[in-house]
Protein backbone atom coordinates (compact mmCIF):
# COMPACT_ATOMS: atom_id res chain seq x y z
CA MET A 1 -66.65 -19.07 -40.40
CA THR A 2 -64.55 -16.55 -38.31
CA GLU A 3 -62.79 -13.65 -40.21
CA PRO A 4 -59.22 -13.40 -39.40
CA LYS A 5 -58.18 -10.64 -37.15
CA VAL A 6 -56.36 -7.66 -38.70
CA SER A 7 -53.60 -6.03 -36.64
CA ARG A 8 -53.71 -2.31 -36.19
CA PRO A 9 -50.69 -0.28 -36.65
CA PRO A 10 -49.69 1.67 -33.37
CA ARG A 11 -50.98 4.98 -32.79
CA LYS A 12 -48.53 7.84 -33.21
CA SER A 13 -49.31 8.87 -29.67
CA ALA A 14 -47.49 5.75 -28.44
CA TYR A 15 -44.42 6.73 -30.44
CA PHE A 16 -44.75 10.20 -28.92
CA VAL A 17 -44.61 9.06 -25.48
CA LEU A 18 -41.54 6.97 -26.23
CA ALA A 19 -39.93 9.79 -27.71
CA ILE A 20 -40.75 12.02 -24.90
CA LEU A 21 -39.35 9.25 -22.36
CA VAL A 22 -36.12 8.67 -24.14
CA VAL A 23 -35.62 12.28 -24.20
CA LEU A 24 -36.16 12.78 -20.45
CA LEU A 25 -33.90 10.02 -19.58
CA ILE A 26 -31.20 11.21 -21.82
CA GLY A 27 -31.72 14.73 -20.32
CA GLY A 28 -31.77 13.36 -16.71
CA TRP A 29 -28.78 11.40 -16.96
CA SER A 30 -26.93 14.51 -18.79
CA ALA A 31 -28.21 16.24 -15.63
CA TYR A 32 -26.81 13.68 -13.22
CA TRP A 33 -23.46 13.67 -15.02
CA ALA A 34 -22.98 17.45 -15.20
CA VAL A 35 -23.88 17.37 -11.33
CA GLY A 36 -21.28 14.68 -10.54
CA ARG A 37 -18.85 16.55 -12.75
CA GLY A 38 -19.52 19.91 -10.70
CA ILE A 39 -18.90 17.78 -7.45
CA VAL A 40 -15.68 16.51 -8.76
CA SER A 41 -14.65 20.08 -9.60
CA ASP A 42 -15.59 21.12 -6.50
CA VAL A 43 -13.68 18.62 -4.29
CA ILE A 44 -10.47 19.50 -6.24
CA ARG A 45 -11.29 23.32 -5.74
CA ASN A 46 -11.64 22.76 -2.03
CA GLY A 47 -8.63 20.42 -1.70
CA ILE A 48 -6.44 23.38 -3.18
CA ASN A 49 -7.88 26.08 -0.86
CA VAL A 50 -7.62 23.72 2.24
CA ALA A 51 -4.15 23.13 1.39
CA GLU A 52 -3.58 26.60 0.89
CA ALA A 53 -5.09 27.75 4.21
CA GLU A 54 -2.64 25.03 5.86
CA GLY A 55 0.34 26.87 4.45
CA GLY A 56 0.97 24.07 1.53
CA SER A 57 -0.15 23.78 -1.95
CA LEU A 58 -2.03 21.05 -4.16
CA GLU A 59 -1.37 21.19 -7.85
CA CYS A 60 -3.32 19.19 -10.43
CA GLY A 61 -1.54 20.29 -13.64
CA ASP A 62 -3.25 20.25 -17.11
CA GLN A 63 -6.27 19.12 -15.56
CA LYS A 64 -8.94 17.24 -17.30
CA LEU A 65 -12.29 15.95 -16.74
CA GLY A 66 -14.50 14.06 -19.05
CA GLY A 67 -15.61 10.66 -19.87
CA TYR A 68 -19.61 11.43 -20.50
CA PRO A 69 -21.77 9.54 -20.46
CA PHE A 70 -21.04 6.43 -18.35
CA ARG A 71 -17.44 7.65 -16.67
CA PHE A 72 -16.20 10.41 -14.65
CA GLU A 73 -12.48 10.70 -15.62
CA LEU A 74 -10.12 12.95 -14.04
CA SER A 75 -6.36 13.54 -14.93
CA CYS A 76 -3.83 15.61 -13.55
CA THR A 77 -0.31 16.00 -15.44
CA PRO A 78 1.42 16.35 -12.97
CA PHE A 79 0.25 15.87 -9.54
CA ARG A 80 2.11 17.75 -6.82
CA MET A 81 1.23 18.41 -2.99
CA ASP A 82 3.75 20.71 -0.45
CA LYS A 83 3.06 21.34 3.10
CA ASP A 84 5.75 21.96 6.09
CA GLY A 85 8.61 21.47 3.85
CA GLU A 86 7.24 18.02 2.64
CA TRP A 87 6.37 17.21 -0.85
CA TYR A 88 4.88 14.69 -3.33
CA PHE A 89 5.24 14.39 -6.92
CA ILE A 90 3.58 12.22 -9.67
CA ASN A 91 4.24 12.57 -12.96
CA GLU A 92 0.52 11.81 -14.02
CA LEU A 93 -2.29 10.87 -12.01
CA ARG A 94 -5.42 9.63 -13.46
CA GLY A 95 -8.94 8.62 -11.77
CA VAL A 96 -12.01 6.96 -13.11
CA ALA A 97 -15.24 6.05 -11.34
CA LEU A 98 -18.31 4.71 -13.30
CA ALA A 99 -21.25 7.20 -13.25
CA TYR A 100 -23.68 4.85 -11.87
CA ASN A 101 -20.97 3.58 -9.23
CA PRO A 102 -18.98 6.60 -7.65
CA THR A 103 -18.05 4.59 -4.71
CA HIS A 104 -15.42 2.42 -6.75
CA VAL A 105 -12.55 4.60 -8.18
CA ILE A 106 -9.88 3.06 -10.16
CA LEU A 107 -6.39 4.87 -10.10
CA GLU A 108 -3.52 5.05 -12.59
CA ALA A 109 -0.28 6.22 -12.32
CA SER A 110 2.80 7.12 -14.80
CA GLY A 111 6.00 7.55 -13.29
CA PRO A 112 8.48 9.11 -12.25
CA ALA A 113 6.99 9.79 -8.69
CA GLU A 114 9.11 11.31 -5.57
CA MET A 115 8.34 12.02 -2.10
CA ASN A 116 10.88 14.35 0.28
CA LEU A 117 9.90 14.14 4.04
CA GLY A 118 11.73 17.41 4.95
CA GLU A 119 15.11 18.66 4.87
CA ASP A 120 16.33 16.07 7.57
CA GLY A 121 14.01 13.40 6.62
CA PRO A 122 14.10 10.60 4.09
CA ALA A 123 13.30 10.94 0.28
CA TYR A 124 12.10 8.63 -2.14
CA SER A 125 12.05 8.45 -5.77
CA ALA A 126 10.28 5.50 -7.73
CA ASN A 127 9.56 4.59 -11.30
CA TRP A 128 7.38 1.66 -12.68
CA ALA A 129 6.15 -0.03 -15.97
CA THR A 130 2.41 0.25 -14.77
CA ALA A 131 0.92 1.29 -11.56
CA GLN A 132 -3.25 0.78 -10.64
CA ALA A 133 -4.97 1.05 -7.54
CA SER A 134 -8.88 0.37 -6.65
CA VAL A 135 -10.58 2.20 -3.82
CA VAL A 136 -14.02 1.20 -2.76
CA ALA A 137 -15.64 3.56 -0.46
CA GLU A 138 -18.42 2.78 2.14
CA ASN A 139 -20.36 5.22 4.54
CA ASN A 140 -18.46 8.16 2.73
CA ARG A 141 -15.03 6.53 3.55
CA PRO A 142 -12.55 4.47 1.91
CA ALA A 143 -13.20 0.70 2.98
CA GLN A 144 -10.88 -1.08 0.81
CA VAL A 145 -7.76 -0.19 -1.01
CA ASP A 146 -5.98 -2.50 -3.66
CA ALA A 147 -2.69 -1.60 -5.51
CA VAL A 148 -0.61 -3.35 -8.07
CA PHE A 149 2.59 -2.28 -9.54
CA ASN A 150 4.89 -3.83 -12.35
CA ASP A 151 8.53 -3.73 -12.61
CA PRO A 152 8.75 -1.14 -9.82
CA THR A 153 12.04 0.45 -8.86
CA LEU A 154 12.55 2.66 -5.60
CA THR A 155 15.45 4.52 -4.13
CA TYR A 156 15.34 5.46 -0.71
CA ILE A 157 17.80 8.24 0.51
CA VAL A 158 18.69 9.36 4.25
CA GLY A 159 21.61 11.27 5.05
CA ASP A 160 24.24 10.20 3.13
CA GLN A 161 22.91 6.51 2.80
CA SER A 162 21.02 5.31 0.02
CA LEU A 163 19.55 1.91 -1.01
CA GLU A 164 18.25 0.93 -4.51
CA LEU A 165 15.16 -1.65 -4.61
CA GLY A 166 13.69 -3.46 -7.37
CA ALA A 167 10.93 -6.12 -7.95
CA ASP A 168 9.21 -7.67 -10.59
CA GLN A 169 5.55 -6.90 -9.02
CA THR A 170 4.42 -5.39 -5.78
CA GLU A 171 1.01 -6.03 -4.50
CA ALA A 172 -0.51 -4.00 -1.25
CA HIS A 173 -4.47 -4.65 -0.22
CA MET A 174 -5.88 -2.93 2.74
CA ARG A 175 -9.31 -3.74 4.35
CA ARG A 176 -11.22 -2.54 7.35
CA VAL A 177 -12.20 -5.22 9.76
CA GLU A 178 -15.65 -6.02 9.65
CA GLY A 179 -17.10 -5.50 13.33
CA ASN A 180 -14.10 -3.49 14.74
CA GLU A 181 -14.12 -0.06 13.10
CA ASN A 182 -10.56 0.75 14.47
CA ALA A 183 -8.63 -2.10 12.93
CA LEU A 184 -7.01 -2.82 9.35
CA ASP A 185 -5.90 -6.01 7.66
CA VAL A 186 -3.23 -5.41 5.56
CA ALA A 187 -1.45 -7.91 2.78
CA LEU A 188 1.71 -7.26 0.97
CA ARG A 189 3.34 -9.48 -1.72
CA ILE A 190 6.62 -8.69 -3.40
CA VAL A 191 8.02 -10.79 -6.22
CA GLY A 192 11.55 -10.75 -7.70
CA LEU A 193 13.05 -8.29 -4.96
CA THR A 194 16.56 -7.21 -5.64
CA ALA A 195 18.66 -4.76 -3.78
CA GLY A 196 21.14 -2.73 -5.39
CA ASN A 197 24.16 -4.88 -6.63
CA VAL A 198 24.05 -7.20 -4.07
CA SER A 199 20.81 -9.11 -4.30
CA GLY A 200 22.56 -12.41 -4.87
CA ASP A 201 21.61 -15.01 -7.72
CA VAL A 202 18.05 -15.36 -7.00
CA PRO A 203 15.94 -12.58 -6.20
CA LEU A 204 13.88 -12.36 -3.07
CA ASP A 205 10.28 -13.18 -3.01
CA ILE A 206 8.05 -11.84 0.26
CA SER A 207 4.44 -12.17 1.38
CA LEU A 208 3.04 -10.73 4.66
CA LEU A 209 -0.41 -10.80 6.18
CA MET A 210 -0.91 -8.76 9.24
CA GLN A 211 -3.49 -6.91 11.34
CA LEU A 212 -3.07 -3.42 12.84
CA PRO A 213 -5.90 -3.51 15.64
CA GLU A 214 -5.51 0.50 15.71
CA GLY A 215 -4.68 1.26 11.96
CA SER A 216 -7.97 2.12 10.41
CA GLY A 217 -6.86 5.76 10.25
CA VAL A 218 -4.33 4.90 7.25
CA LEU A 219 -7.49 4.57 5.18
CA ASP A 220 -9.00 7.77 6.21
CA GLY A 221 -5.68 9.72 5.48
CA GLU A 222 -5.15 10.39 9.08
CA VAL A 223 -1.78 8.71 9.30
CA HIS A 224 1.13 10.97 7.95
CA ASP A 225 3.87 8.97 10.29
CA LEU A 226 4.19 6.04 12.30
CA ALA A 227 3.63 8.51 15.39
CA ASP A 228 -0.08 8.77 14.23
CA LEU A 229 -0.56 5.04 14.84
CA LEU A 230 0.80 5.12 18.63
CA VAL A 231 -1.72 4.07 21.24
CA ASP A 232 -0.59 4.60 24.69
CA GLU A 233 3.08 4.98 23.23
CA GLU A 234 3.02 1.83 21.47
CA ILE A 235 1.78 0.05 18.36
CA ARG A 236 0.52 -3.19 18.07
CA VAL A 237 0.90 -5.28 14.93
CA ASN A 238 -0.44 -8.71 14.57
CA VAL A 239 1.36 -10.82 12.33
CA SER A 240 -0.48 -13.98 10.70
CA SER A 241 2.00 -14.92 8.29
CA LEU A 242 5.47 -13.88 7.07
CA GLN A 243 7.33 -15.34 4.40
CA LEU A 244 10.67 -14.76 2.80
CA GLN A 245 11.99 -17.18 0.02
CA SER A 246 15.13 -17.21 -2.28
CA GLY A 247 15.82 -20.36 -4.23
CA GLU A 248 16.33 -23.08 -1.26
CA PHE A 249 16.36 -20.30 1.53
CA SER A 250 13.16 -19.47 3.22
CA ILE A 251 12.14 -18.16 6.54
CA ALA A 252 8.44 -18.19 7.86
CA THR A 253 7.11 -16.73 10.92
CA GLU A 254 4.06 -15.50 12.76
CA GLY A 255 3.16 -13.91 15.93
CA ASN A 256 2.32 -10.47 17.68
CA LEU A 257 4.76 -7.40 18.05
CA VAL A 258 4.64 -4.26 19.92
CA ILE A 259 6.31 -1.10 18.70
CA ASP A 260 7.36 1.46 21.42
CA ARG A 261 7.74 5.05 20.94
CA GLN A 262 11.53 4.92 20.37
CA GLY A 263 10.82 2.57 17.39
CA ARG A 264 12.16 -0.30 19.06
CA LEU A 265 10.72 -3.79 18.31
CA ASN A 266 9.02 -6.15 21.16
CA GLY A 267 7.52 -9.76 21.33
CA THR A 268 8.68 -13.25 19.96
CA LEU A 269 8.68 -14.75 16.67
CA PRO A 270 8.94 -18.80 15.95
CA LEU A 271 11.10 -18.69 13.22
CA VAL A 272 11.20 -21.83 10.62
CA ILE A 273 14.57 -21.34 8.58
CA THR A 274 15.05 -23.63 5.48
CA GLY A 275 18.88 -23.29 4.20
CA ILE A 276 20.18 -21.34 7.19
CA HIS A 277 23.54 -21.02 5.59
CA GLN A 278 22.26 -18.61 3.17
CA LEU A 279 20.24 -16.67 5.70
CA GLU A 280 22.92 -13.84 5.89
CA ALA A 281 23.79 -13.63 2.13
CA VAL A 282 20.07 -13.41 1.02
CA LEU A 283 18.78 -10.81 3.70
CA ARG A 284 22.16 -8.83 4.03
CA PRO A 285 20.85 -5.89 1.34
CA LEU A 286 18.15 -5.26 3.55
CA PHE A 287 19.95 -4.55 6.53
CA PRO A 288 22.42 -1.64 7.25
CA GLN A 289 26.00 -2.40 6.32
CA ASP A 290 27.51 -2.82 9.51
CA ASP A 291 24.50 -4.87 11.38
CA ARG A 292 25.65 -7.80 12.83
CA THR A 293 22.51 -9.24 13.43
CA LEU A 294 22.01 -11.64 10.67
CA GLU A 295 25.58 -12.83 11.19
CA ALA A 296 24.82 -13.65 14.90
CA LEU A 297 21.15 -15.09 14.01
CA GLN A 298 22.80 -17.56 11.59
CA ARG A 299 25.57 -18.55 13.67
CA THR A 300 23.72 -19.23 17.11
CA ALA A 301 20.66 -20.79 15.19
CA THR A 302 23.08 -23.21 13.55
CA SER A 303 24.65 -24.28 17.13
CA ILE A 304 21.70 -24.62 19.09
CA GLY A 305 18.42 -24.71 16.69
CA GLN A 306 16.25 -27.93 16.64
CA GLY A 307 17.13 -29.23 12.92
CA SER A 308 15.20 -31.43 10.61
CA ALA A 309 15.41 -31.75 6.67
CA GLU A 310 12.70 -30.88 4.18
CA ASP A 311 13.05 -31.97 0.58
CA GLY A 312 16.61 -32.80 1.60
CA VAL A 313 17.43 -29.10 2.65
CA PRO A 314 18.55 -28.39 6.57
CA THR A 315 15.34 -26.78 8.03
CA ILE A 316 15.64 -25.00 12.01
CA ARG A 317 12.81 -24.31 13.89
CA ILE A 318 13.87 -21.82 16.50
CA PRO A 319 11.94 -18.66 18.68
CA VAL A 320 13.53 -15.41 18.42
CA THR A 321 12.93 -13.14 21.02
CA LEU A 322 12.84 -9.09 20.54
CA GLU A 323 12.80 -7.12 23.48
CA ASN A 324 13.85 -3.36 23.65
CA GLY A 325 15.10 -3.42 20.18
CA ARG A 326 17.32 -6.19 20.69
CA ALA A 327 17.14 -9.90 19.65
CA ARG A 328 18.19 -12.93 21.41
CA ILE A 329 17.84 -16.60 21.26
CA ALA A 330 17.15 -18.20 24.57
CA PHE A 331 19.84 -16.53 26.76
CA PHE A 332 22.28 -16.08 23.68
CA ASP A 333 22.31 -12.17 22.55
CA LEU A 334 22.09 -11.25 18.93
CA GLY A 335 22.41 -7.92 19.33
CA PRO A 336 20.56 -4.67 18.07
CA VAL A 337 17.80 -4.82 15.33
CA PRO A 338 17.41 -1.98 13.20
CA GLN A 339 14.86 0.50 14.90
CA LEU A 340 12.02 2.12 12.88
CA VAL A 341 11.96 6.12 12.61
CA ILE A 342 8.51 7.03 14.62
CA GLY A 343 8.64 10.75 14.32
CA GLU A 344 6.25 13.00 15.90
CA SER A 345 2.41 12.52 15.76
CA GLY A 346 0.69 14.73 13.37
CA SER A 347 3.71 15.63 11.66
């Protein structure tokens, strides 16, 4: 008859080895976290020193750095940068990265925020309910940025003119183009856009998909002005989809544009306009007060456009040509289009 086997209790040495491994793991992780914390501190300190060496300043007020053991958390209250008469201010900026994946950073900001681009430049002030951004790095540089603002408001001031904008939500997404290190894909979505007190009964929704063939410098922090995007004295913009909608009114287009050194638009855009009779009323808040382009576009498109009906609403398909900052349909001149402010490269 076989006698039953009696299990032996584990030896005390096994517990001792396990305890040593746990201590080493905790100690190693703590050392890793401490090194990472020191790197973050060094980055902030170096940023401050570089800003001062270039005649500017960088402030991370009431700086807090924590998150042990699984995260790195940095908060600045407030965050401010000054350089060459320009300054940028955010009431509170917070950054979080998982300790085991420091190449992915989540940013949160609390308003208000302000940006002033010099004595003669435009000024912006903004606020929002919540604001979050995600930054993913590859090869030690940002490769993907996503940002979402809920209930944002923006005031734009230049000279004695100002414009107030509001929205339910704004999203922005930027990606490097795989296989083309110079190109940048950009997606923008604005829901419920209003402008001052003249936004009409139904807010405007905007969605844009485009590519900047020479725009990757935006993610590298090398673009401070539109002039930094100039290549051979022009900026190329490939619009794969642009849609604006407000109630029964909508406008859609796609095409390639070129912006010259003077900020003038050049290219041909095939427009599909539904509810053409509402065009000027809906888009008026987004154009300068004395601009007559929308009025001319609505009048000319109605008279010569190829019309049909979609869901019972009149729809017109017509190509608009932009050349040296002026718009035309065939031989009908619609007048000047507002120019972009290019500025000086490297400013």
